[in-house]
Amino acid sequence: MTTVTPDQILPVDADNALLVGRVWDPESGGPRVVTVRGQEVFDHTAEVRTVSELMDLDDPAGFITSTRESPRWDLAALIDASLAQDRERAHLLAPVDLQVIKACGVTFVDSMIERVIEERCGGDFQKAAAVRESVLAVLGSDIAGVRPGSEQARQVKEVFTAKGMWSQYLEVGLGPDPEVFTKAPVLSSVGFGARIGLPTFSHWNNPEPELVLIVDSTGRVRGATLGNDVNLRDVEGRSALLLGMAKDNNASSSIGPFVRLFTEGFSIESLRSEDITLTVEGTDGYRLEGQNSLSRISRPFEELVGAAYGKHHQYPDGFALFTGTLFAPSQDRDEPGLGFTHKDADQVTIYSAQLGSLINTTGTTEELPPWSFGIRDLMEYLSRSVPVPAHHG
């Protein structure tokens, strides 16, 4: 992997961005809550023990900017250790901790069509090209502007059904309620530089570049970051009831590099037309480029958050919400008509001008280091190493 500099992973306006992350600290044997300013990384764990706790403060941005401490790490060194996957050195972690990892699916009409194709293929990637052609023939026109839950959306569903192409994905893609599911357990997400897992039982899979909203325990969106909602197309294509098997595996949730807190100059409005780009570079010389344009999302962010949180469901430690992707690769990698699937050691770069770059490489799930640091470990570490912050008093 080529050298990556701090400028390459930070937002283009990094000087104006308030960036929160987590660093694994070998010295103390646990995770630290940090902020990034320029190329310096500051440890805030003495003032706020978890990112979840920080997000629940009345003014997270104001709290961070009002604290004064000396820098503890150099960002370039953290990047180098993270990309080298050197666990003996301080390195970046996913910038969330106690938040539940939730995800929304089929939030773009384009991705809905690909889910229908997967389903009609029964998870067999060799049938994808022919099925895609038949599905697009049924559509007859662009439906990207159809509002889910509208009369027009109902009519589109009727067309599919009349042509013998009814699908459960049409309901969440065009119906009144979005798909919301739990993507990964608390503390299981990997961060910048880590390997992402692809199980040996999957032979048709792809990255999913997504915007991830960071929501506190009262349902307020406090900031945003990037995520890779790694997808096993063959597994989910066999049955939507296998969603857990398709979505939740070791190292299948990647988040980072940092959470950008909402401030006066950066808000949820800043993200409505953001483009998130994807690059996959294989050791075989293959290169795939894609884009997730948030301006084309079918449902507003607030609707997605409201579907996850409310009187029907609470999250005492907050949650991170993957908002779905427009991107579903159909570009052939090997033989014509067989489409795209990952290979070992693919480098995946997800980039947004306002959120920076999340870089990971693929690996075999069963051969990756097992997830071992859980909630009990975090509680023990904090009780042993971090005093209760003064603001709790």
Foldseek 3Di string as FASTA:
>chain_A
DDQDDPCQFAFVVQQPFWWWFWKQALVLGGIFIWTDHPQFIAGPCQFPPFVLRLLPDPDSVVVVVPDDDDTDDGNSVQLVCLQVVPPNHMHTWFRHFQAFAKEWELQFVLVLLVLLLLQVCLLQLLCSVVSSVVSVVLQVDDPLQQAAQDPVLVVSQVSCVVVVSHDPSSCQNRHDHTDMDGQEGGHQEGEFNEAAADAPVADAWDWFKFKKFWAHQVLDGFFIWIKTQTFRSSQVNNDVVCVCVGGYARRNIYIDDTTTTDDPVDDLVNQQQWKKKKWKQDPVRDIDIDIFGNVSGNDDPSSVSVSADDPVDTINSTHMYTYYGSDDWQDDDPDPSSTDDDDFQIWMWIATNNHGIGIHGYDHRVPDPGDDQHDVNSVVSCVPPHDDHPVVD
